[in-house]
Amino acid sequence: MGKLTVRALRAILMLVLVGTVLVQVGMVWALATDPEDGSLPLTPLRLITILGLVSVQVAVVCVWRLVAMVRRGTVFSHAAFRYVDGVIGSIVAAALVWFTVTAVNAPGQREDPGVTVIMAGVGVAILGVALVVLVLRMLLTQAVALDVEAARMQAELDEVI
């Protein structure tokens, strides 16, 4: 992975992290100072937003750690699984948060349930992303096994020579 790619990815990750923290601060401020007028369930949506952004932040930190492992050449190790599992867990958590938003929003969509169906479809798509990352984890498992086997074979070859 090139230095420019790593720097660009880290810059984007930092922007996402700072942005999510600022939105969370805004949501907490709104919870404390802005009363509901009764038209929307604002308090639950604000709390759900705060929790959803935590899942994004966990994914950002895990991806940051994985990029660091790639730069060091240690990504094909068992230590990487912890961060990949963190990404998968945060994506699943984001899907659950989205389904919660869908459920909170559904009573207001009684006359047009299509919006709720579309929102549920987005939740399923988010779960699909988690499955894609799970498949990538399986590929990482195979790569780690091959790396271990190659190291064992190299040790045997070194003994012979």
N, C-alpha and C. Protein backbone atom coordinates (compact mmCIF):
# COMPACT_ATOMS: atom_id res chain seq x y z
N MET A 1 0.86 -1.17 0.00
CA MET A 1 0.00 0.00 0.00
C MET A 1 0.90 1.23 0.00
N GLY A 2 0.67 2.13 -0.93
CA GLY A 2 1.52 3.31 -1.06
C GLY A 2 1.27 4.34 0.03
N LYS A 3 2.28 5.19 0.21
CA LYS A 3 2.17 6.22 1.24
C LYS A 3 1.02 7.19 0.96
N LEU A 4 0.84 7.54 -0.31
CA LEU A 4 -0.23 8.47 -0.66
C LEU A 4 -1.59 7.87 -0.34
N THR A 5 -1.76 6.59 -0.65
CA THR A 5 -3.02 5.91 -0.36
C THR A 5 -3.30 5.88 1.15
N VAL A 6 -2.26 5.55 1.91
CA VAL A 6 -2.42 5.50 3.37
C VAL A 6 -2.76 6.88 3.92
N ARG A 7 -2.06 7.90 3.45
CA ARG A 7 -2.34 9.26 3.94
C ARG A 7 -3.75 9.70 3.57
N ALA A 8 -4.17 9.41 2.35
CA ALA A 8 -5.53 9.79 1.93
C ALA A 8 -6.58 9.07 2.76
N LEU A 9 -6.38 7.77 2.97
CA LEU A 9 -7.33 7.01 3.77
C LEU A 9 -7.37 7.51 5.21
N ARG A 10 -6.20 7.78 5.78
CA ARG A 10 -6.17 8.28 7.15
C ARG A 10 -6.81 9.67 7.26
N ALA A 11 -6.64 10.50 6.25
CA ALA A 11 -7.28 11.82 6.26
C ALA A 11 -8.80 11.68 6.24
N ILE A 12 -9.29 10.78 5.41
CA ILE A 12 -10.74 10.55 5.35
C ILE A 12 -11.24 9.97 6.67
N LEU A 13 -10.50 9.01 7.22
CA LEU A 13 -10.91 8.43 8.50
C LEU A 13 -10.95 9.49 9.60
N MET A 14 -9.98 10.38 9.61
CA MET A 14 -9.97 11.46 10.61
C MET A 14 -11.16 12.39 10.42
N LEU A 15 -11.46 12.73 9.17
CA LEU A 15 -12.62 13.59 8.90
C LEU A 15 -13.91 12.93 9.38
N VAL A 16 -14.05 11.64 9.12
CA VAL A 16 -15.24 10.92 9.57
C VAL A 16 -15.31 10.89 11.09
N LEU A 17 -14.17 10.63 11.73
CA LEU A 17 -14.14 10.56 13.19
C LEU A 17 -14.49 11.92 13.81
N VAL A 18 -13.87 12.98 13.32
CA VAL A 18 -14.15 14.32 13.85
C VAL A 18 -15.60 14.71 13.56
N GLY A 19 -16.06 14.41 12.36
CA GLY A 19 -17.44 14.74 12.00
C GLY A 19 -18.46 14.02 12.87
N THR A 20 -18.22 12.73 13.14
CA THR A 20 -19.17 12.00 13.97
C THR A 20 -19.17 12.51 15.41
N VAL A 21 -17.99 12.88 15.90
CA VAL A 21 -17.93 13.42 17.26
C VAL A 21 -18.69 14.75 17.33
N LEU A 22 -18.51 15.61 16.31
CA LEU A 22 -19.22 16.90 16.31
C LEU A 22 -20.74 16.70 16.24
N VAL A 23 -21.18 15.75 15.44
CA VAL A 23 -22.62 15.48 15.36
C VAL A 23 -23.13 14.94 16.70
N GLN A 24 -22.35 14.07 17.33
CA GLN A 24 -22.76 13.55 18.64
C GLN A 24 -22.87 14.67 19.67
N VAL A 25 -21.90 15.58 19.66
CA VAL A 25 -21.96 16.73 20.58
C VAL A 25 -23.21 17.55 20.30
N GLY A 26 -23.51 17.76 19.02
CA GLY A 26 -24.72 18.50 18.66
C GLY A 26 -25.99 17.79 19.12
N MET A 27 -26.00 16.48 19.00
CA MET A 27 -27.18 15.71 19.45
C MET A 27 -27.34 15.80 20.97
N VAL A 28 -26.25 15.69 21.70
CA VAL A 28 -26.32 15.81 23.15
C VAL A 28 -26.79 17.20 23.54
N TRP A 29 -26.28 18.22 22.86
CA TRP A 29 -26.70 19.60 23.11
C TRP A 29 -28.19 19.75 22.83
N ALA A 30 -28.65 19.18 21.72
CA ALA A 30 -30.07 19.28 21.38
C ALA A 30 -30.93 18.53 22.40
N LEU A 31 -30.45 17.40 22.89
CA LEU A 31 -31.20 16.67 23.91
C LEU A 31 -31.38 17.52 25.17
N ALA A 32 -30.34 18.27 25.49
CA ALA A 32 -30.37 19.06 26.73
C ALA A 32 -31.14 20.36 26.60
N THR A 33 -31.18 20.95 25.40
CA THR A 33 -31.71 22.31 25.27
C THR A 33 -32.94 22.44 24.39
N ASP A 34 -33.19 21.51 23.49
CA ASP A 34 -34.26 21.67 22.51
C ASP A 34 -35.42 20.72 22.82
N PRO A 35 -36.50 21.23 23.39
CA PRO A 35 -37.62 20.34 23.72
C PRO A 35 -38.35 19.89 22.45
N GLU A 36 -39.02 18.78 22.56
CA GLU A 36 -39.80 18.26 21.43
C GLU A 36 -41.09 19.06 21.29
N ASP A 37 -41.52 19.23 20.06
CA ASP A 37 -42.79 19.92 19.84
C ASP A 37 -43.92 18.92 19.59
N GLY A 38 -43.61 17.62 19.57
CA GLY A 38 -44.63 16.60 19.42
C GLY A 38 -44.84 16.12 18.00
N SER A 39 -44.25 16.78 17.01
CA SER A 39 -44.48 16.36 15.63
C SER A 39 -43.67 15.12 15.26
N LEU A 40 -42.49 14.98 15.81
CA LEU A 40 -41.65 13.80 15.57
C LEU A 40 -41.10 13.30 16.90
N PRO A 41 -40.78 12.02 16.98
CA PRO A 41 -40.16 11.52 18.21
C PRO A 41 -38.66 11.87 18.23
N LEU A 42 -38.36 13.14 18.50
CA LEU A 42 -37.00 13.61 18.38
C LEU A 42 -36.04 12.99 19.38
N THR A 43 -36.45 12.84 20.62
CA THR A 43 -35.53 12.30 21.63
C THR A 43 -35.06 10.89 21.26
N PRO A 44 -35.95 9.96 20.91
CA PRO A 44 -35.45 8.64 20.51
C PRO A 44 -34.56 8.70 19.28
N LEU A 45 -34.91 9.53 18.31
CA LEU A 45 -34.08 9.63 17.11
C LEU A 45 -32.71 10.21 17.42
N ARG A 46 -32.65 11.17 18.32
CA ARG A 46 -31.36 11.73 18.71
C ARG A 46 -30.50 10.69 19.44
N LEU A 47 -31.11 9.94 20.33
CA LEU A 47 -30.37 8.89 21.03
C LEU A 47 -29.89 7.80 20.07
N ILE A 48 -30.75 7.44 19.14
CA ILE A 48 -30.38 6.44 18.14
C ILE A 48 -29.23 6.96 17.27
N THR A 49 -29.26 8.22 16.93
CA THR A 49 -28.18 8.82 16.14
C THR A 49 -26.86 8.75 16.88
N ILE A 50 -26.89 9.07 18.15
CA ILE A 50 -25.65 9.01 18.96
C ILE A 50 -25.11 7.59 18.96
N LEU A 51 -25.97 6.60 19.17
CA LEU A 51 -25.52 5.21 19.18
C LEU A 51 -25.03 4.75 17.81
N GLY A 52 -25.73 5.17 16.77
CA GLY A 52 -25.30 4.81 15.42
C GLY A 52 -23.93 5.36 15.08
N LEU A 53 -23.65 6.55 15.54
CA LEU A 53 -22.35 7.14 15.28
C LEU A 53 -21.24 6.44 16.06
N VAL A 54 -21.57 5.86 17.19
CA VAL A 54 -20.58 5.07 17.93
C VAL A 54 -20.15 3.87 17.07
N SER A 55 -21.10 3.25 16.39
CA SER A 55 -20.74 2.11 15.54
C SER A 55 -19.83 2.55 14.40
N VAL A 56 -20.07 3.73 13.85
CA VAL A 56 -19.19 4.26 12.81
C VAL A 56 -17.80 4.51 13.38
N GLN A 57 -17.73 5.07 14.57
CA GLN A 57 -16.44 5.36 15.19
C GLN A 57 -15.64 4.09 15.46
N VAL A 58 -16.31 3.04 15.89
CA VAL A 58 -15.63 1.76 16.12
C VAL A 58 -15.05 1.25 14.81
N ALA A 59 -15.82 1.31 13.75
CA ALA A 59 -15.33 0.85 12.45
C ALA A 59 -14.13 1.68 11.99
N VAL A 60 -14.19 2.98 12.19
CA VAL A 60 -13.07 3.85 11.79
C VAL A 60 -11.80 3.47 12.54
N VAL A 61 -11.90 3.27 13.84
CA VAL A 61 -10.71 2.91 14.63
C VAL A 61 -10.17 1.56 14.17
N CYS A 62 -11.04 0.61 13.92
CA CYS A 62 -10.59 -0.72 13.48
C CYS A 62 -9.91 -0.64 12.11
N VAL A 63 -10.48 0.11 11.19
CA VAL A 63 -9.86 0.27 9.87
C VAL A 63 -8.51 0.97 10.01
N TRP A 64 -8.42 1.97 10.87
CA TRP A 64 -7.16 2.67 11.12
C TRP A 64 -6.09 1.67 11.57
N ARG A 65 -6.45 0.81 12.51
CA ARG A 65 -5.50 -0.19 13.02
C ARG A 65 -5.11 -1.19 11.93
N LEU A 66 -6.05 -1.58 11.09
CA LEU A 66 -5.74 -2.49 10.00
C LEU A 66 -4.80 -1.85 8.98
N VAL A 67 -5.00 -0.58 8.69
CA VAL A 67 -4.10 0.13 7.77
C VAL A 67 -2.69 0.18 8.36
N ALA A 68 -2.61 0.41 9.66
CA ALA A 68 -1.29 0.42 10.31
C ALA A 68 -0.63 -0.96 10.18
N MET A 69 -1.41 -2.02 10.32
CA MET A 69 -0.87 -3.36 10.18
C MET A 69 -0.41 -3.63 8.74
N VAL A 70 -1.14 -3.11 7.78
CA VAL A 70 -0.75 -3.27 6.38
C VAL A 70 0.57 -2.57 6.14
N ARG A 71 0.72 -1.37 6.65
CA ARG A 71 1.97 -0.61 6.46
C ARG A 71 3.16 -1.33 7.08
N ARG A 72 2.93 -2.00 8.23
CA ARG A 72 4.02 -2.73 8.91
C ARG A 72 4.23 -4.11 8.32
N GLY A 73 3.32 -4.56 7.48
CA GLY A 73 3.41 -5.89 6.90
C GLY A 73 3.00 -6.99 7.87
N THR A 74 2.17 -6.66 8.84
CA THR A 74 1.74 -7.64 9.84
C THR A 74 0.26 -7.97 9.75
N VAL A 75 -0.38 -7.60 8.65
CA VAL A 75 -1.83 -7.80 8.54
C VAL A 75 -2.18 -9.28 8.40
N PHE A 76 -1.25 -10.09 7.89
CA PHE A 76 -1.51 -11.52 7.77
C PHE A 76 -1.10 -12.23 9.05
N SER A 77 -1.76 -11.85 10.13
CA SER A 77 -1.51 -12.45 11.43
C SER A 77 -2.84 -12.58 12.16
N HIS A 78 -2.80 -13.34 13.24
CA HIS A 78 -4.03 -13.55 14.01
C HIS A 78 -4.51 -12.26 14.70
N ALA A 79 -3.60 -11.31 14.90
CA ALA A 79 -3.98 -10.05 15.55
C ALA A 79 -4.96 -9.25 14.69
N ALA A 80 -4.92 -9.43 13.38
CA ALA A 80 -5.81 -8.68 12.49
C ALA A 80 -7.27 -9.08 12.66
N PHE A 81 -7.50 -10.31 13.10
CA PHE A 81 -8.89 -10.78 13.22
C PHE A 81 -9.69 -9.95 14.21
N ARG A 82 -9.05 -9.48 15.25
CA ARG A 82 -9.75 -8.67 16.25
C ARG A 82 -10.33 -7.41 15.60
N TYR A 83 -9.56 -6.78 14.71
CA TYR A 83 -10.03 -5.55 14.08
C TYR A 83 -11.06 -5.83 12.99
N VAL A 84 -10.87 -6.91 12.24
CA VAL A 84 -11.87 -7.29 11.24
C VAL A 84 -13.19 -7.63 11.93
N ASP A 85 -13.11 -8.36 13.04
CA ASP A 85 -14.32 -8.66 13.80
C ASP A 85 -14.97 -7.39 14.33
N GLY A 86 -14.15 -6.41 14.70
CA GLY A 86 -14.70 -5.12 15.15
C GLY A 86 -15.46 -4.42 14.04
N VAL A 87 -14.92 -4.47 12.82
CA VAL A 87 -15.61 -3.87 11.68
C VAL A 87 -16.93 -4.59 11.42
N ILE A 88 -16.90 -5.92 11.43
CA ILE A 88 -18.12 -6.69 11.20
C ILE A 88 -19.16 -6.36 12.28
N GLY A 89 -18.73 -6.35 13.53
CA GLY A 89 -19.66 -6.04 14.63
C GLY A 89 -20.24 -4.65 14.52
N SER A 90 -19.42 -3.69 14.12
CA SER A 90 -19.93 -2.32 14.01
C SER A 90 -20.91 -2.18 12.85
N ILE A 91 -20.69 -2.93 11.78
CA ILE A 91 -21.63 -2.88 10.66
C ILE A 91 -22.96 -3.51 11.06
N VAL A 92 -22.91 -4.63 11.77
CA VAL A 92 -24.14 -5.26 12.25
C VAL A 92 -24.86 -4.32 13.22
N ALA A 93 -24.09 -3.67 14.10
CA ALA A 93 -24.70 -2.71 15.03
C ALA A 93 -25.35 -1.56 14.27
N ALA A 94 -24.68 -1.08 13.22
CA ALA A 94 -25.27 -0.01 12.42
C ALA A 94 -26.57 -0.46 11.77
N ALA A 95 -26.61 -1.70 11.31
CA ALA A 95 -27.85 -2.23 10.72
C ALA A 95 -28.96 -2.29 11.76
N LEU A 96 -28.63 -2.73 12.96
CA LEU A 96 -29.64 -2.78 14.02
C LEU A 96 -30.13 -1.39 14.39
N VAL A 97 -29.22 -0.44 14.42
CA VAL A 97 -29.61 0.95 14.68
C VAL A 97 -30.53 1.44 13.56
N TRP A 98 -30.19 1.11 12.32
CA TRP A 98 -31.03 1.53 11.20
C TRP A 98 -32.42 0.90 11.28
N PHE A 99 -32.49 -0.38 11.65
CA PHE A 99 -33.80 -1.02 11.82
C PHE A 99 -34.59 -0.34 12.93
N THR A 100 -33.90 0.12 13.96
CA THR A 100 -34.57 0.85 15.04
C THR A 100 -35.12 2.17 14.53
N VAL A 101 -34.34 2.87 13.72
CA VAL A 101 -34.81 4.13 13.11
C VAL A 101 -36.04 3.84 12.26
N THR A 102 -36.00 2.76 11.52
CA THR A 102 -37.13 2.37 10.68
C THR A 102 -38.38 2.13 11.52
N ALA A 103 -38.20 1.43 12.64
CA ALA A 103 -39.35 1.15 13.52
C ALA A 103 -39.89 2.41 14.17
N VAL A 104 -39.01 3.32 14.56
CA VAL A 104 -39.46 4.58 15.17
C VAL A 104 -40.19 5.44 14.13
N ASN A 105 -39.72 5.39 12.90
CA ASN A 105 -40.29 6.21 11.83
C ASN A 105 -41.58 5.60 11.25
N ALA A 106 -41.77 4.30 11.39
CA ALA A 106 -42.88 3.60 10.73
C ALA A 106 -44.27 4.14 11.09
N PRO A 107 -44.57 4.45 12.36
CA PRO A 107 -45.93 4.94 12.65
C PRO A 107 -46.29 6.21 11.88
N GLY A 108 -45.33 7.02 11.55
CA GLY A 108 -45.62 8.23 10.78
C GLY A 108 -45.79 7.97 9.29
N GLN A 109 -45.57 6.74 8.87
CA GLN A 109 -45.65 6.39 7.46
C GLN A 109 -46.82 5.45 7.15
N ARG A 110 -47.84 5.49 7.99
CA ARG A 110 -48.97 4.56 7.81
C ARG A 110 -49.66 4.74 6.46
N GLU A 111 -49.75 5.98 6.00
CA GLU A 111 -50.43 6.22 4.72
C GLU A 111 -49.55 5.87 3.53
N ASP A 112 -48.25 5.87 3.72
CA ASP A 112 -47.32 5.54 2.64
C ASP A 112 -46.26 4.58 3.18
N PRO A 113 -46.60 3.30 3.29
CA PRO A 113 -45.66 2.34 3.88
C PRO A 113 -44.44 2.04 2.99
N GLY A 114 -44.44 2.55 1.79
CA GLY A 114 -43.31 2.33 0.90
C GLY A 114 -42.00 2.86 1.48
N VAL A 115 -42.08 3.97 2.20
CA VAL A 115 -40.88 4.55 2.82
C VAL A 115 -40.31 3.56 3.83
N THR A 116 -41.17 2.96 4.62
CA THR A 116 -40.71 2.00 5.62
C THR A 116 -40.11 0.78 4.95
N VAL A 117 -40.70 0.33 3.86
CA VAL A 117 -40.16 -0.82 3.13
C VAL A 117 -38.78 -0.48 2.56
N ILE A 118 -38.64 0.70 2.01
CA ILE A 118 -37.34 1.12 1.47
C ILE A 118 -36.31 1.21 2.59
N MET A 119 -36.71 1.77 3.73
CA MET A 119 -35.78 1.87 4.85
C MET A 119 -35.37 0.49 5.34
N ALA A 120 -36.29 -0.44 5.39
CA ALA A 120 -35.96 -1.82 5.77
C ALA A 120 -35.00 -2.44 4.76
N GLY A 121 -35.22 -2.14 3.49
CA GLY A 121 -34.31 -2.63 2.45
C GLY A 121 -32.89 -2.08 2.62
N VAL A 122 -32.78 -0.83 3.04
CA VAL A 122 -31.46 -0.26 3.32
C VAL A 122 -30.81 -1.01 4.48
N GLY A 123 -31.58 -1.36 5.49
CA GLY A 123 -31.05 -2.14 6.61
C GLY A 123 -30.53 -3.50 6.16
N VAL A 124 -31.27 -4.15 5.28
CA VAL A 124 -30.83 -5.43 4.74
C VAL A 124 -29.54 -5.25 3.93
N ALA A 125 -29.45 -4.16 3.18
CA ALA A 125 -28.23 -3.88 2.41
C ALA A 125 -27.03 -3.67 3.35
N ILE A 126 -27.26 -3.01 4.47
CA ILE A 126 -26.18 -2.81 5.45
C ILE A 126 -25.72 -4.17 5.98
N LEU A 127 -26.66 -5.06 6.27
CA LEU A 127 -26.29 -6.42 6.68
C LEU A 127 -25.53 -7.15 5.58
N GLY A 128 -25.87 -6.87 4.34
CA GLY A 128 -25.14 -7.45 3.20
C GLY A 128 -23.68 -7.01 3.20
N VAL A 129 -23.43 -5.77 3.56
CA VAL A 129 -22.04 -5.29 3.66
C VAL A 129 -21.30 -6.07 4.74
N ALA A 130 -21.97 -6.33 5.86
CA ALA A 130 -21.36 -7.13 6.92
C ALA A 130 -21.00 -8.52 6.41
N LEU A 131 -21.86 -9.10 5.59
CA LEU A 131 -21.57 -10.42 5.03
C LEU A 131 -20.38 -10.38 4.07
N VAL A 132 -20.27 -9.31 3.29
CA VAL A 132 -19.11 -9.16 2.40
C VAL A 132 -17.83 -9.09 3.22
N VAL A 133 -17.83 -8.33 4.30
CA VAL A 133 -16.65 -8.24 5.15
C VAL A 133 -16.37 -9.59 5.81
N LEU A 134 -17.42 -10.34 6.14
CA LEU A 134 -17.22 -11.68 6.70
C LEU A 134 -16.52 -12.59 5.68
N VAL A 135 -16.92 -12.50 4.42
CA VAL A 135 -16.25 -13.27 3.37
C VAL A 135 -14.78 -12.85 3.28
N LEU A 136 -14.52 -11.56 3.36
CA LEU A 136 -13.13 -11.08 3.33
C LEU A 136 -12.35 -11.59 4.54
N ARG A 137 -13.03 -11.74 5.67
CA ARG A 137 -12.37 -12.31 6.85
C ARG A 137 -11.97 -13.75 6.59
N MET A 138 -12.85 -14.50 5.91
CA MET A 138 -12.52 -15.88 5.56
C MET A 138 -11.30 -15.94 4.64
N LEU A 139 -11.21 -15.00 3.71
CA LEU A 139 -10.04 -14.93 2.85
C LEU A 139 -8.79 -14.61 3.66
N LEU A 140 -8.92 -13.72 4.65
CA LEU A 140 -7.79 -13.40 5.53
C LEU A 140 -7.37 -14.64 6.31
N THR A 141 -8.33 -15.44 6.74
CA THR A 141 -8.03 -16.68 7.46
C THR A 141 -7.18 -17.60 6.58
N GLN A 142 -7.56 -17.74 5.31
CA GLN A 142 -6.80 -18.58 4.39
C GLN A 142 -5.40 -18.00 4.15
N ALA A 143 -5.31 -16.69 4.02
CA ALA A 143 -4.02 -16.05 3.80
C ALA A 143 -3.09 -16.24 4.99
N VAL A 144 -3.63 -16.12 6.20
CA VAL A 144 -2.82 -16.32 7.41
C VAL A 144 -2.34 -17.76 7.47
N ALA A 145 -3.21 -18.71 7.16
CA ALA A 145 -2.81 -20.12 7.17
C ALA A 145 -1.71 -20.38 6.15
N LEU A 146 -1.83 -19.80 4.96
CA LEU A 146 -0.78 -19.96 3.95
C LEU A 146 0.53 -19.31 4.38
N ASP A 147 0.43 -18.17 5.04
CA ASP A 147 1.63 -17.48 5.52
C ASP A 147 2.34 -18.31 6.58
N VAL A 148 1.58 -18.91 7.48
CA VAL A 148 2.16 -19.77 8.52
C VAL A 148 2.82 -20.98 7.88
N GLU A 149 2.14 -21.59 6.91
CA GLU A 149 2.70 -22.75 6.22
C GLU A 149 3.97 -22.38 5.45
N ALA A 150 3.97 -21.22 4.79
CA ALA A 150 5.17 -20.78 4.08
C ALA A 150 6.33 -20.55 5.04
N ALA A 151 6.04 -19.99 6.20
CA ALA A 151 7.10 -19.77 7.19
C ALA A 151 7.64 -21.11 7.69
N ARG A 152 6.77 -22.09 7.90
CA ARG A 152 7.21 -23.42 8.34
C ARG A 152 8.08 -24.07 7.28
N MET A 153 7.66 -23.98 6.03
CA MET A 153 8.44 -24.57 4.95
C MET A 153 9.79 -23.88 4.78
N GLN A 154 9.80 -22.56 4.96
CA GLN A 154 11.07 -21.82 4.87
C GLN A 154 12.01 -22.24 5.99
N ALA A 155 11.47 -22.48 7.18
CA ALA A 155 12.30 -22.94 8.30
C ALA A 155 12.89 -24.31 8.00
N GLU A 156 12.08 -25.20 7.42
CA GLU A 156 12.58 -26.51 7.06
C GLU A 156 13.66 -26.42 6.00
N LEU A 157 13.45 -25.55 5.03
CA LEU A 157 14.44 -25.36 3.96
C LEU A 157 15.74 -24.80 4.52
N ASP A 158 15.62 -23.88 5.47
CA ASP A 158 16.81 -23.31 6.10
C ASP A 158 17.60 -24.38 6.85
N GLU A 159 16.89 -25.33 7.46
CA GLU A 159 17.58 -26.43 8.16
C GLU A 159 18.33 -27.33 7.19
N VAL A 160 17.73 -27.58 6.05
CA VAL A 160 18.36 -28.44 5.05
C VAL A 160 19.61 -27.77 4.48
N ILE A 161 19.54 -26.49 4.25
CA ILE A 161 20.68 -25.77 3.67
C ILE A 161 21.70 -25.54 4.75
